C-alpha atoms as a PDB file:
ATOM      1  CA  VAL A   1       9.299  14.157   3.497  1.00  0.00           C
ATOM      2  CA  GLN A   2       8.665  11.268   5.848  1.00  0.00           C
ATOM      3  CA  LEU A   3       6.932   8.854   3.457  1.00  0.00           C
ATOM      4  CA  GLN A   4       7.104   8.845  -0.344  1.00  0.00           C
ATOM      5  CA  ALA A   5       4.756   6.522  -2.220  1.00  0.00           C
ATOM      6  CA  SER A   6       5.217   5.539  -5.851  1.00  0.00           C
ATOM      7  CA  GLY A   7       4.369   2.849  -8.391  1.00  0.00           C
ATOM      8  CA  GLY A   8       0.741   3.537  -9.183  1.00  0.00           C
ATOM      9  CA  GLY A   9      -0.627   3.574 -12.697  1.00  0.00           C
ATOM     10  CA  LEU A  10      -3.238   2.310 -15.126  1.00  0.00           C
ATOM     11  CA  VAL A  11      -3.564  -1.432 -15.583  1.00  0.00           C
ATOM     12  CA  GLN A  12      -6.114  -3.802 -17.074  1.00  0.00           C
ATOM     13  CA  ALA A  13      -8.136  -6.117 -14.888  1.00  0.00           C
ATOM     14  CA  GLY A  14      -6.090  -9.177 -14.021  1.00  0.00           C
ATOM     15  CA  GLY A  15      -2.855  -7.248 -14.178  1.00  0.00           C
ATOM     16  CA  SER A  16      -0.292  -6.425 -11.531  1.00  0.00           C
ATOM     17  CA  LEU A  17       1.357  -3.398  -9.967  1.00  0.00           C
ATOM     18  CA  ARG A  18       3.960  -2.923  -7.282  1.00  0.00           C
ATOM     19  CA  LEU A  19       3.772   0.063  -4.967  1.00  0.00           C
ATOM     20  CA  SER A  20       6.720   1.341  -2.984  1.00  0.00           C
ATOM     21  CA  CYS A  21       6.848   3.537   0.089  1.00  0.00           C
ATOM     22  CA  ALA A  22      10.245   5.031   0.857  1.00  0.00           C
ATOM     23  CA  ALA A  23      10.434   6.185   4.455  1.00  0.00           C
ATOM     24  CA  SER A  24      12.732   8.404   6.431  1.00  0.00           C
ATOM     25  CA  GLY A  25      13.161   8.091  10.168  1.00  0.00           C
ATOM     26  CA  SER A  26      12.563   5.117  12.429  1.00  0.00           C
ATOM     27  CA  THR A  27      11.967   1.577  11.197  1.00  0.00           C
ATOM     28  CA  PHE A  28      10.481   0.652  14.579  1.00  0.00           C
ATOM     29  CA  TYR A  29       6.854   1.034  13.566  1.00  0.00           C
ATOM     30  CA  ALA A  30       4.598  -1.175  11.523  1.00  0.00           C
ATOM     31  CA  MET A  31       3.986   0.042   7.991  1.00  0.00           C
ATOM     32  CA  ALA A  32       0.576  -0.063   6.364  1.00  0.00           C
ATOM     33  CA  TRP A  33      -1.227   0.649   3.141  1.00  0.00           C
ATOM     34  CA  PHE A  34      -4.656   2.232   2.962  1.00  0.00           C
ATOM     35  CA  ARG A  35      -6.732   3.216  -0.048  1.00  0.00           C
ATOM     36  CA  GLN A  36      -9.501   5.655  -0.816  1.00  0.00           C
ATOM     37  CA  ALA A  37     -11.830   5.329  -3.770  1.00  0.00           C
ATOM     38  CA  PRO A  38     -13.868   8.304  -5.030  1.00  0.00           C
ATOM     39  CA  GLY A  39     -16.791   9.005  -2.739  1.00  0.00           C
ATOM     40  CA  LYS A  40     -15.675   6.431  -0.185  1.00  0.00           C
ATOM     41  CA  GLU A  41     -13.863   6.519   3.124  1.00  0.00           C
ATOM     42  CA  ARG A  42     -10.219   5.574   3.407  1.00  0.00           C
ATOM     43  CA  GLU A  43      -9.904   1.867   4.172  1.00  0.00           C
ATOM     44  CA  PHE A  44      -7.208  -0.439   5.464  1.00  0.00           C
ATOM     45  CA  VAL A  45      -5.508  -2.667   2.899  1.00  0.00           C
ATOM     46  CA  ALA A  46      -2.502  -4.316   4.523  1.00  0.00           C
ATOM     47  CA  ALA A  47       0.121  -3.903   7.250  1.00  0.00           C
ATOM     48  CA  ALA A  48       3.513  -5.354   8.079  1.00  0.00           C
ATOM     49  CA  SER A  49       5.143  -5.226  11.500  1.00  0.00           C
ATOM     50  CA  ARG A  50       8.842  -4.544  11.893  1.00  0.00           C
ATOM     51  CA  GLY A  51       9.356  -8.255  12.458  1.00  0.00           C
ATOM     52  CA  GLY A  52       7.503  -9.197   9.305  1.00  0.00           C
ATOM     53  CA  ASN A  53       4.060 -10.200  10.571  1.00  0.00           C
ATOM     54  CA  THR A  54       1.476  -9.290   7.955  1.00  0.00           C
ATOM     55  CA  TYR A  55      -2.221  -8.437   8.014  1.00  0.00           C
ATOM     56  CA  TYR A  56      -4.669  -8.007   5.151  1.00  0.00           C
ATOM     57  CA  ALA A  57      -8.156  -6.796   4.471  1.00  0.00           C
ATOM     58  CA  ASP A  58     -10.397  -9.657   3.399  1.00  0.00           C
ATOM     59  CA  SER A  59     -10.931  -7.992   0.029  1.00  0.00           C
ATOM     60  CA  VAL A  60      -7.257  -8.331  -0.922  1.00  0.00           C
ATOM     61  CA  LYS A  61      -6.209 -11.575   0.763  1.00  0.00           C
ATOM     62  CA  GLY A  62      -4.565 -13.933  -1.664  1.00  0.00           C
ATOM     63  CA  ARG A  63      -4.008 -11.178  -4.237  1.00  0.00           C
ATOM     64  CA  PHE A  64      -1.892  -8.545  -2.483  1.00  0.00           C
ATOM     65  CA  THR A  65       1.368  -9.035  -0.633  1.00  0.00           C
ATOM     66  CA  ILE A  66       2.905  -6.486   1.700  1.00  0.00           C
ATOM     67  CA  SER A  67       6.588  -6.593   2.494  1.00  0.00           C
ATOM     68  CA  ARG A  68       9.262  -4.334   3.880  1.00  0.00           C
ATOM     69  CA  ASP A  69      13.001  -3.990   3.618  1.00  0.00           C
ATOM     70  CA  ASN A  70      14.272  -2.369   6.801  1.00  0.00           C
ATOM     71  CA  THR A  71      17.780  -1.995   5.355  1.00  0.00           C
ATOM     72  CA  VAL A  72      16.477   0.577   2.882  1.00  0.00           C
ATOM     73  CA  ASN A  73      13.496   1.660   4.989  1.00  0.00           C
ATOM     74  CA  THR A  74      10.982   0.853   2.273  1.00  0.00           C
ATOM     75  CA  ALA A  75       7.638  -0.912   2.289  1.00  0.00           C
ATOM     76  CA  TYR A  76       6.096  -2.551  -0.754  1.00  0.00           C
ATOM     77  CA  LEU A  77       2.663  -3.653  -1.860  1.00  0.00           C
ATOM     78  CA  GLU A  78       2.618  -6.250  -4.601  1.00  0.00           C
ATOM     79  CA  MET A  79      -0.837  -6.277  -6.179  1.00  0.00           C
ATOM     80  CA  ASN A  80      -1.869  -9.161  -8.438  1.00  0.00           C
ATOM     81  CA  SER A  81      -5.139 -10.149 -10.089  1.00  0.00           C
ATOM     82  CA  LEU A  82      -6.269  -6.561  -9.916  1.00  0.00           C
ATOM     83  CA  LYS A  83      -9.959  -5.780 -10.200  1.00  0.00           C
ATOM     84  CA  PRO A  84     -11.749  -2.569 -11.186  1.00  0.00           C
ATOM     85  CA  GLU A  85     -12.904  -2.242  -7.577  1.00  0.00           C
ATOM     86  CA  ASP A  86      -9.260  -1.907  -6.538  1.00  0.00           C
ATOM     87  CA  THR A  87      -9.206   1.503  -8.229  1.00  0.00           C
ATOM     88  CA  ALA A  88      -8.287   4.080  -5.600  1.00  0.00           C
ATOM     89  CA  VAL A  89      -5.581   6.365  -4.330  1.00  0.00           C
ATOM     90  CA  TYR A  90      -3.237   4.252  -2.238  1.00  0.00           C
ATOM     91  CA  TYR A  91      -1.524   5.733   0.807  1.00  0.00           C
ATOM     92  CA  CYS A  92       1.270   4.364   2.918  1.00  0.00           C
ATOM     93  CA  HIS A  93       1.175   5.020   6.641  1.00  0.00           C
ATOM     94  CA  ARG A  94       3.546   4.548   9.525  1.00  0.00           C
ATOM     95  CA  GLU A  95       1.418   3.002  12.258  1.00  0.00           C
ATOM     96  CA  SER A  96       1.080   4.774  15.609  1.00  0.00           C
ATOM     97  CA  THR A  97       2.256   8.048  14.059  1.00  0.00           C
ATOM     98  CA  SER A  98       0.674  10.784  12.012  1.00  0.00           C
ATOM     99  CA  ASP A  99       2.933  10.033   9.032  1.00  0.00           C
ATOM    100  CA  TRP A 100       1.175   9.478   5.711  1.00  0.00           C
ATOM    101  CA  GLY A 101       2.537   9.353   2.200  1.00  0.00           C
ATOM    102  CA  GLN A 102       1.151  11.623  -0.474  1.00  0.00           C
ATOM    103  CA  GLY A 103      -0.837   8.883  -2.224  1.00  0.00           C
ATOM    104  CA  THR A 104      -0.417   7.171  -5.553  1.00  0.00           C
ATOM    105  CA  GLN A 105      -3.271   6.553  -8.002  1.00  0.00           C
ATOM    106  CA  VAL A 106      -4.110   3.015  -9.053  1.00  0.00           C
ATOM    107  CA  THR A 107      -6.645   2.643 -11.845  1.00  0.00           C
ATOM    108  CA  VAL A 108      -7.835  -0.765 -13.010  1.00  0.00           C
ATOM    109  CA  SER A 109      -9.777  -0.864 -16.265  1.00  0.00           C
ATOM    110  CA  SER A 110     -12.293  -3.582 -17.055  1.00  0.00           C
END
């Protein structure tokens, strides 16, 4: 398994969750999180380069924080102030490759 995502769950609006993506293989590539809500296309959430530069979708700026620890080859997505519209399956992805994690469900209740 190249990428293993975990940390999803059910949380009330305003709550927090932390997703993890344990990777095998190279740490050279940027790591990203995407999400897909029912009936919608998969969308970009956040990305972190190997050097630590970060990028966010406008919808999550100020609420989500992506980070990575290259020593343990793991990427994280800290999600705060969660909203019902954040409900989706979250996938980690190694940029510029075809590597995707299996997805972890995040459900935010109102």
